[in-house]
PDB file of all heavy atoms in Angstrom:
ATOM      1  N   ARG A   1     140.327 130.893  53.926  1.00  0.00           N
ATOM      2  CA  ARG A   1     141.097 131.796  54.714  1.00  0.00           C
ATOM      3  C   ARG A   1     140.134 132.713  55.500  1.00  0.00           C
ATOM      4  O   ARG A   1     139.165 133.203  54.940  1.00  0.00           O
ATOM      5  CB  ARG A   1     141.976 132.696  53.799  1.00  0.00           C
ATOM      6  CG  ARG A   1     143.036 131.872  53.093  1.00  0.00           C
ATOM      7  CD  ARG A   1     143.744 132.679  52.040  1.00  0.00           C
ATOM      8  NE  ARG A   1     142.842 133.181  50.945  1.00  0.00           N
ATOM      9  CZ  ARG A   1     143.232 133.953  49.895  1.00  0.00           C
ATOM     10  NH1 ARG A   1     144.459 134.284  49.829  1.00  0.00           N
ATOM     11  NH2 ARG A   1     142.317 134.289  49.055  1.00  0.00           N
ATOM     12  N   VAL A   2     140.359 132.835  56.821  1.00  0.00           N
ATOM     13  CA  VAL A   2     139.526 133.620  57.714  1.00  0.00           C
ATOM     14  C   VAL A   2     140.264 134.886  58.160  1.00  0.00           C
ATOM     15  O   VAL A   2     141.440 134.829  58.553  1.00  0.00           O
ATOM     16  CB  VAL A   2     139.119 132.819  58.896  1.00  0.00           C
ATOM     17  CG1 VAL A   2     138.228 133.599  59.796  1.00  0.00           C
ATOM     18  CG2 VAL A   2     138.453 131.493  58.458  1.00  0.00           C
ATOM     19  N   ALA A   3     139.596 136.014  58.025  1.00  0.00           N
ATOM     20  CA  ALA A   3     140.264 137.288  58.416  1.00  0.00           C
ATOM     21  C   ALA A   3     139.227 138.189  59.111  1.00  0.00           C
ATOM     22  O   ALA A   3     138.060 138.174  58.817  1.00  0.00           O
ATOM     23  CB  ALA A   3     140.885 137.980  57.213  1.00  0.00           C
ATOM     24  N   PHE A   4     139.736 138.926  60.126  1.00  0.00           N
ATOM     25  CA  PHE A   4     138.958 139.953  60.839  1.00  0.00           C
ATOM     26  C   PHE A   4     139.392 141.287  60.221  1.00  0.00           C
ATOM     27  O   PHE A   4     140.526 141.721  60.368  1.00  0.00           O
ATOM     28  CB  PHE A   4     139.184 139.873  62.296  1.00  0.00           C
ATOM     29  CG  PHE A   4     138.612 138.629  62.887  1.00  0.00           C
ATOM     30  CD1 PHE A   4     139.290 137.440  62.782  1.00  0.00           C
ATOM     31  CD2 PHE A   4     137.369 138.637  63.512  1.00  0.00           C
ATOM     32  CE1 PHE A   4     138.769 136.218  63.292  1.00  0.00           C
ATOM     33  CE2 PHE A   4     136.842 137.484  64.046  1.00  0.00           C
ATOM     34  CZ  PHE A   4     137.492 136.284  63.986  1.00  0.00           C
ATOM     35  N   LEU A   5     138.477 141.952  59.487  1.00  0.00           N
ATOM     36  CA  LEU A   5     138.760 143.154  58.759  1.00  0.00           C
ATOM     37  C   LEU A   5     137.746 144.233  59.093  1.00  0.00           C
ATOM     38  O   LEU A   5     136.702 143.956  59.579  1.00  0.00           O
ATOM     39  CB  LEU A   5     138.738 142.828  57.209  1.00  0.00           C
ATOM     40  CG  LEU A   5     139.649 141.712  56.769  1.00  0.00           C
ATOM     41  CD1 LEU A   5     139.296 141.313  55.305  1.00  0.00           C
ATOM     42  CD2 LEU A   5     141.088 142.168  56.850  1.00  0.00           C
ATOM     43  N   GLY A   6     138.149 145.501  58.853  1.00  0.00           N
ATOM     44  CA  GLY A   6     137.230 146.618  59.124  1.00  0.00           C
ATOM     45  C   GLY A   6     137.022 147.445  57.975  1.00  0.00           C
ATOM     46  O   GLY A   6     137.804 147.619  57.039  1.00  0.00           O
ATOM     47  N   GLY A   7     135.841 148.110  57.994  1.00  0.00           N
ATOM     48  CA  GLY A   7     135.468 149.098  57.004  1.00  0.00           C
ATOM     49  C   GLY A   7     135.499 148.570  55.532  1.00  0.00           C
ATOM     50  O   GLY A   7     135.172 147.446  55.280  1.00  0.00           O
ATOM     51  N   SER A   8     135.931 149.476  54.649  1.00  0.00           N
ATOM     52  CA  SER A   8     135.996 148.972  53.248  1.00  0.00           C
ATOM     53  C   SER A   8     137.374 148.278  53.032  1.00  0.00           C
ATOM     54  O   SER A   8     138.407 148.868  53.271  1.00  0.00           O
ATOM     55  CB  SER A   8     135.894 150.226  52.295  1.00  0.00           C
ATOM     56  OG  SER A   8     136.071 149.833  50.988  1.00  0.00           O
ATOM     57  N   HIS A   9     137.335 146.979  52.682  1.00  0.00           N
ATOM     58  CA  HIS A   9     138.515 146.226  52.603  1.00  0.00           C
ATOM     59  C   HIS A   9     138.780 145.635  51.242  1.00  0.00           C
ATOM     60  O   HIS A   9     139.451 144.601  51.129  1.00  0.00           O
ATOM     61  CB  HIS A   9     138.600 145.160  53.739  1.00  0.00           C
ATOM     62  CG  HIS A   9     137.345 144.367  53.774  1.00  0.00           C
ATOM     63  ND1 HIS A   9     136.179 144.773  54.449  1.00  0.00           N
ATOM     64  CD2 HIS A   9     137.037 143.161  53.304  1.00  0.00           C
ATOM     65  CE1 HIS A   9     135.279 143.895  54.358  1.00  0.00           C
ATOM     66  NE2 HIS A   9     135.722 142.877  53.649  1.00  0.00           N
ATOM     67  N   GLY A  10     138.200 146.154  50.219  1.00  0.00           N
ATOM     68  CA  GLY A  10     138.509 145.811  48.798  1.00  0.00           C
ATOM     69  C   GLY A  10     137.775 144.686  48.218  1.00  0.00           C
ATOM     70  O   GLY A  10     138.088 144.322  47.065  1.00  0.00           O
ATOM     71  N   ASP A  11     136.687 144.200  48.891  1.00  0.00           N
ATOM     72  CA  ASP A  11     136.017 143.040  48.192  1.00  0.00           C
ATOM     73  C   ASP A  11     134.583 143.384  47.791  1.00  0.00           C
ATOM     74  O   ASP A  11     133.809 142.553  47.392  1.00  0.00           O
ATOM     75  CB  ASP A  11     136.037 141.758  49.115  1.00  0.00           C
ATOM     76  CG  ASP A  11     135.340 142.074  50.470  1.00  0.00           C
ATOM     77  OD1 ASP A  11     134.684 143.152  50.582  1.00  0.00           O
ATOM     78  OD2 ASP A  11     135.385 141.160  51.312  1.00  0.00           O
ATOM     79  N   GLY A  12     134.204 144.649  47.963  1.00  0.00           N
ATOM     80  CA  GLY A  12     132.845 145.070  47.545  1.00  0.00           C
ATOM     81  C   GLY A  12     131.798 144.867  48.594  1.00  0.00           C
ATOM     82  O   GLY A  12     130.620 145.187  48.418  1.00  0.00           O
ATOM     83  N   TYR A  13     132.203 144.442  49.809  1.00  0.00           N
ATOM     84  CA  TYR A  13     131.296 144.198  50.981  1.00  0.00           C
ATOM     85  C   TYR A  13     131.815 144.963  52.127  1.00  0.00           C
ATOM     86  O   TYR A  13     132.330 144.297  53.026  1.00  0.00           O
ATOM     87  CB  TYR A  13     131.098 142.731  51.197  1.00  0.00           C
ATOM     88  CG  TYR A  13     130.336 141.943  50.136  1.00  0.00           C
ATOM     89  CD1 TYR A  13     131.079 141.253  49.211  1.00  0.00           C
ATOM     90  CD2 TYR A  13     128.909 141.898  50.012  1.00  0.00           C
ATOM     91  CE1 TYR A  13     130.440 140.560  48.159  1.00  0.00           C
ATOM     92  CE2 TYR A  13     128.321 141.227  49.060  1.00  0.00           C
ATOM     93  CZ  TYR A  13     129.060 140.549  48.109  1.00  0.00           C
ATOM     94  OH  TYR A  13     128.404 139.861  47.084  1.00  0.00           O
ATOM     95  N   PRO A  14     131.789 146.282  52.175  1.00  0.00           N
ATOM     96  CA  PRO A  14     132.425 147.001  53.279  1.00  0.00           C
ATOM     97  C   PRO A  14     131.675 146.739  54.586  1.00  0.00           C
ATOM     98  O   PRO A  14     130.434 146.562  54.627  1.00  0.00           O
ATOM     99  CB  PRO A  14     132.271 148.419  52.857  1.00  0.00           C
ATOM    100  CG  PRO A  14     131.077 148.478  51.934  1.00  0.00           C
ATOM    101  CD  PRO A  14     131.146 147.117  51.178  1.00  0.00           C
ATOM    102  N   PHE A  15     132.400 146.691  55.694  1.00  0.00           N
ATOM    103  CA  PHE A  15     131.787 146.611  57.010  1.00  0.00           C
ATOM    104  C   PHE A  15     131.482 148.029  57.535  1.00  0.00           C
ATOM    105  O   PHE A  15     132.023 148.989  57.040  1.00  0.00           O
ATOM    106  CB  PHE A  15     132.754 145.865  57.957  1.00  0.00           C
ATOM    107  CG  PHE A  15     132.850 144.412  57.703  1.00  0.00           C
ATOM    108  CD1 PHE A  15     134.122 143.798  57.501  1.00  0.00           C
ATOM    109  CD2 PHE A  15     131.712 143.594  57.627  1.00  0.00           C
ATOM    110  CE1 PHE A  15     134.176 142.417  57.256  1.00  0.00           C
ATOM    111  CE2 PHE A  15     131.802 142.250  57.384  1.00  0.00           C
ATOM    112  CZ  PHE A  15     133.035 141.640  57.190  1.00  0.00           C
ATOM    113  N   ASP A  16     130.626 148.063  58.523  1.00  0.00           N
ATOM    114  CA  ASP A  16     130.049 149.316  58.963  1.00  0.00           C
ATOM    115  C   ASP A  16     130.200 149.533  60.432  1.00  0.00           C
ATOM    116  O   ASP A  16     129.444 150.290  60.999  1.00  0.00           O
ATOM    117  CB  ASP A  16     128.539 149.380  58.565  1.00  0.00           C
ATOM    118  CG  ASP A  16     127.775 148.192  59.106  1.00  0.00           C
ATOM    119  OD1 ASP A  16     128.393 147.364  59.847  1.00  0.00           O
ATOM    120  OD2 ASP A  16     126.555 148.068  58.770  1.00  0.00           O
ATOM    121  N   GLY A  17     131.236 149.056  61.067  1.00  0.00           N
ATOM    122  CA  GLY A  17     131.496 149.236  62.463  1.00  0.00           C
ATOM    123  C   GLY A  17     130.580 148.315  63.320  1.00  0.00           C
ATOM    124  O   GLY A  17     129.935 147.400  62.803  1.00  0.00           O
ATOM    125  N   MET A  18     130.532 148.558  64.631  1.00  0.00           N
ATOM    126  CA  MET A  18     129.808 147.608  65.493  1.00  0.00           C
ATOM    127  C   MET A  18     128.297 147.621  65.079  1.00  0.00           C
ATOM    128  O   MET A  18     127.699 148.697  64.913  1.00  0.00           O
ATOM    129  CB  MET A  18     129.976 148.069  67.007  1.00  0.00           C
ATOM    130  CG  MET A  18     129.441 147.083  67.950  1.00  0.00           C
ATOM    131  SD  MET A  18     129.808 147.519  69.655  1.00  0.00           S
ATOM    132  CE  MET A  18     131.559 147.409  69.723  1.00  0.00           C
ATOM    133  N   GLY A  19     127.769 146.420  65.162  1.00  0.00           N
ATOM    134  CA  GLY A  19     126.340 146.216  64.732  1.00  0.00           C
ATOM    135  C   GLY A  19     126.299 146.180  63.251  1.00  0.00           C
ATOM    136  O   GLY A  19     127.277 146.145  62.546  1.00  0.00           O
ATOM    137  N   GLY A  20     125.037 146.189  62.660  1.00  0.00           N
ATOM    138  CA  GLY A  20     124.915 146.177  61.234  1.00  0.00           C
ATOM    139  C   GLY A  20     125.385 144.824  60.650  1.00  0.00           C
ATOM    140  O   GLY A  20     125.011 143.743  61.102  1.00  0.00           O
ATOM    141  N   THR A  21     126.307 144.917  59.645  1.00  0.00           N
ATOM    142  CA  THR A  21     126.752 143.683  59.059  1.00  0.00           C
ATOM    143  C   THR A  21     127.884 143.053  59.908  1.00  0.00           C
ATOM    144  O   THR A  21     128.736 143.798  60.417  1.00  0.00           O
ATOM    145  CB  THR A  21     127.292 143.933  57.657  1.00  0.00           C
ATOM    146  OG1 THR A  21     128.292 144.986  57.646  1.00  0.00           O
ATOM    147  CG2 THR A  21     126.140 144.390  56.730  1.00  0.00           C
ATOM    148  N   LEU A  22     127.863 141.754  60.087  1.00  0.00           N
ATOM    149  CA  LEU A  22     128.729 141.016  60.962  1.00  0.00           C
ATOM    150  C   LEU A  22     129.824 140.299  60.185  1.00  0.00           C
ATOM    151  O   LEU A  22     131.014 140.211  60.637  1.00  0.00           O
ATOM    152  CB  LEU A  22     127.986 140.059  61.851  1.00  0.00           C
ATOM    153  CG  LEU A  22     126.954 140.611  62.649  1.00  0.00           C
ATOM    154  CD1 LEU A  22     126.211 139.500  63.389  1.00  0.00           C
ATOM    155  CD2 LEU A  22     127.365 141.713  63.619  1.00  0.00           C
ATOM    156  N   GLY A  23     129.541 139.780  59.018  1.00  0.00           N
ATOM    157  CA  GLY A  23     130.468 139.007  58.318  1.00  0.00           C
ATOM    158  C   GLY A  23     130.002 138.627  56.930  1.00  0.00           C
ATOM    159  O   GLY A  23     128.867 138.911  56.584  1.00  0.00           O
ATOM    160  N   HIS A  24     130.835 138.021  56.078  1.00  0.00           N
ATOM    161  CA  HIS A  24     130.403 137.517  54.760  1.00  0.00           C
ATOM    162  C   HIS A  24     131.511 136.503  54.361  1.00  0.00           C
ATOM    163  O   HIS A  24     132.624 136.474  54.850  1.00  0.00           O
ATOM    164  CB  HIS A  24     130.253 138.552  53.721  1.00  0.00           C
ATOM    165  CG  HIS A  24     131.428 139.542  53.599  1.00  0.00           C
ATOM    166  ND1 HIS A  24     131.387 140.849  54.036  1.00  0.00           N
ATOM    167  CD2 HIS A  24     132.706 139.329  53.177  1.00  0.00           C
ATOM    168  CE1 HIS A  24     132.508 141.414  53.794  1.00  0.00           C
ATOM    169  NE2 HIS A  24     133.346 140.528  53.273  1.00  0.00           N
ATOM    170  N   ALA A  25     131.092 135.640  53.420  1.00  0.00           N
ATOM    171  CA  ALA A  25     132.013 134.662  52.856  1.00  0.00           C
ATOM    172  C   ALA A  25     131.749 134.445  51.381  1.00  0.00           C
ATOM    173  O   ALA A  25     130.647 134.773  50.874  1.00  0.00           O
ATOM    174  CB  ALA A  25     131.896 133.284  53.628  1.00  0.00           C
ATOM    175  N   PHE A  26     132.708 133.860  50.711  1.00  0.00           N
ATOM    176  CA  PHE A  26     132.649 133.760  49.266  1.00  0.00           C
ATOM    177  C   PHE A  26     132.375 132.291  48.890  1.00  0.00           C
ATOM    178  O   PHE A  26     133.027 131.382  49.460  1.00  0.00           O
ATOM    179  CB  PHE A  26     133.948 134.266  48.637  1.00  0.00           C
ATOM    180  CG  PHE A  26     134.128 135.768  48.849  1.00  0.00           C
ATOM    181  CD1 PHE A  26     134.765 136.191  49.980  1.00  0.00           C
ATOM    182  CD2 PHE A  26     133.640 136.639  48.003  1.00  0.00           C
ATOM    183  CE1 PHE A  26     134.929 137.580  50.141  1.00  0.00           C
ATOM    184  CE2 PHE A  26     133.790 138.030  48.095  1.00  0.00           C
ATOM    185  CZ  PHE A  26     134.396 138.505  49.270  1.00  0.00           C
ATOM    186  N   PHE A  27     131.600 132.109  47.886  1.00  0.00           N
ATOM    187  CA  PHE A  27     131.170 130.695  47.509  1.00  0.00           C
ATOM    188  C   PHE A  27     132.373 130.022  46.834  1.00  0.00           C
ATOM    189  O   PHE A  27     133.254 130.690  46.347  1.00  0.00           O
ATOM    190  CB  PHE A  27     129.973 130.807  46.505  1.00  0.00           C
ATOM    191  CG  PHE A  27     128.725 131.361  47.067  1.00  0.00           C
ATOM    192  CD1 PHE A  27     128.067 132.445  46.485  1.00  0.00           C
ATOM    193  CD2 PHE A  27     128.204 130.860  48.222  1.00  0.00           C
ATOM    194  CE1 PHE A  27     126.938 132.996  47.021  1.00  0.00           C
ATOM    195  CE2 PHE A  27     126.999 131.336  48.789  1.00  0.00           C
ATOM    196  CZ  PHE A  27     126.375 132.423  48.183  1.00  0.00           C
ATOM    197  N   PRO A  28     132.321 128.703  46.801  1.00  0.00           N
ATOM    198  CA  PRO A  28     133.427 127.933  46.138  1.00  0.00           C
ATOM    199  C   PRO A  28     133.464 128.334  44.658  1.00  0.00           C
ATOM    200  O   PRO A  28     132.512 128.479  43.983  1.00  0.00           O
ATOM    201  CB  PRO A  28     132.981 126.495  46.343  1.00  0.00           C
ATOM    202  CG  PRO A  28     132.067 126.517  47.478  1.00  0.00           C
ATOM    203  CD  PRO A  28     131.291 127.824  47.376  1.00  0.00           C
ATOM    204  N   GLY A  29     134.742 128.435  44.157  1.00  0.00           N
ATOM    205  CA  GLY A  29     134.940 128.674  42.775  1.00  0.00           C
ATOM    206  C   GLY A  29     134.650 130.003  42.216  1.00  0.00           C
ATOM    207  O   GLY A  29     134.650 130.236  41.054  1.00  0.00           O
ATOM    208  N   VAL A  30     134.465 131.033  43.128  1.00  0.00           N
ATOM    209  CA  VAL A  30     134.103 132.352  42.731  1.00  0.00           C
ATOM    210  C   VAL A  30     135.284 133.296  42.970  1.00  0.00           C
ATOM    211  O   VAL A  30     135.533 133.760  44.044  1.00  0.00           O
ATOM    212  CB  VAL A  30     132.846 132.892  43.478  1.00  0.00           C
ATOM    213  CG1 VAL A  30     132.492 134.305  42.968  1.00  0.00           C
ATOM    214  CG2 VAL A  30     131.728 131.993  43.248  1.00  0.00           C
ATOM    215  N   GLY A  31     136.176 133.417  41.962  1.00  0.00           N
ATOM    216  CA  GLY A  31     137.276 134.337  42.052  1.00  0.00           C
ATOM    217  C   GLY A  31     138.385 133.910  42.996  1.00  0.00           C
ATOM    218  O   GLY A  31     138.340 132.863  43.606  1.00  0.00           O
ATOM    219  N   PRO A  32     139.364 134.776  43.177  1.00  0.00           N
ATOM    220  CA  PRO A  32     140.556 134.489  43.988  1.00  0.00           C
ATOM    221  C   PRO A  32     140.173 134.358  45.522  1.00  0.00           C
ATOM    222  O   PRO A  32     140.957 133.783  46.290  1.00  0.00           O
ATOM    223  CB  PRO A  32     141.543 135.607  43.821  1.00  0.00           C
ATOM    224  CG  PRO A  32     140.697 136.723  43.334  1.00  0.00           C
ATOM    225  CD  PRO A  32     139.563 136.090  42.508  1.00  0.00           C
ATOM    226  N   SER A  33     139.049 134.909  45.906  1.00  0.00           N
ATOM    227  CA  SER A  33     138.589 134.852  47.299  1.00  0.00           C
ATOM    228  C   SER A  33     137.734 133.668  47.592  1.00  0.00           C
ATOM    229  O   SER A  33     137.112 133.549  48.643  1.00  0.00           O
ATOM    230  CB  SER A  33     137.834 136.138  47.683  1.00  0.00           C
ATOM    231  OG  SER A  33     138.702 137.270  47.524  1.00  0.00           O
ATOM    232  N   SER A  34     137.662 132.720  46.647  1.00  0.00           N
ATOM    233  CA  SER A  34     136.768 131.577  46.802  1.00  0.00           C
ATOM    234  C   SER A  34     136.889 130.941  48.183  1.00  0.00           C
ATOM    235  O   SER A  34     138.042 130.533  48.567  1.00  0.00           O
ATOM    236  CB  SER A  34     137.107 130.527  45.650  1.00  0.00           C
ATOM    237  OG  SER A  34     136.482 129.327  45.911  1.00  0.00           O
ATOM    238  N   GLY A  35     135.794 130.738  48.870  1.00  0.00           N
ATOM    239  CA  GLY A  35     135.825 130.099  50.182  1.00  0.00           C
ATOM    240  C   GLY A  35     136.198 130.971  51.341  1.00  0.00           C
ATOM    241  O   GLY A  35     135.994 130.562  52.513  1.00  0.00           O
TER     242      GLY A  35
END
């Protein structure tokens, strides 16, 4: 599942606005957010 999210969105990897961190993804088989 692909989503465009902002700020702190509940997965422990908050975004920080323009610049800085751009994205992240979850490895296969790791919790309900797997992939």
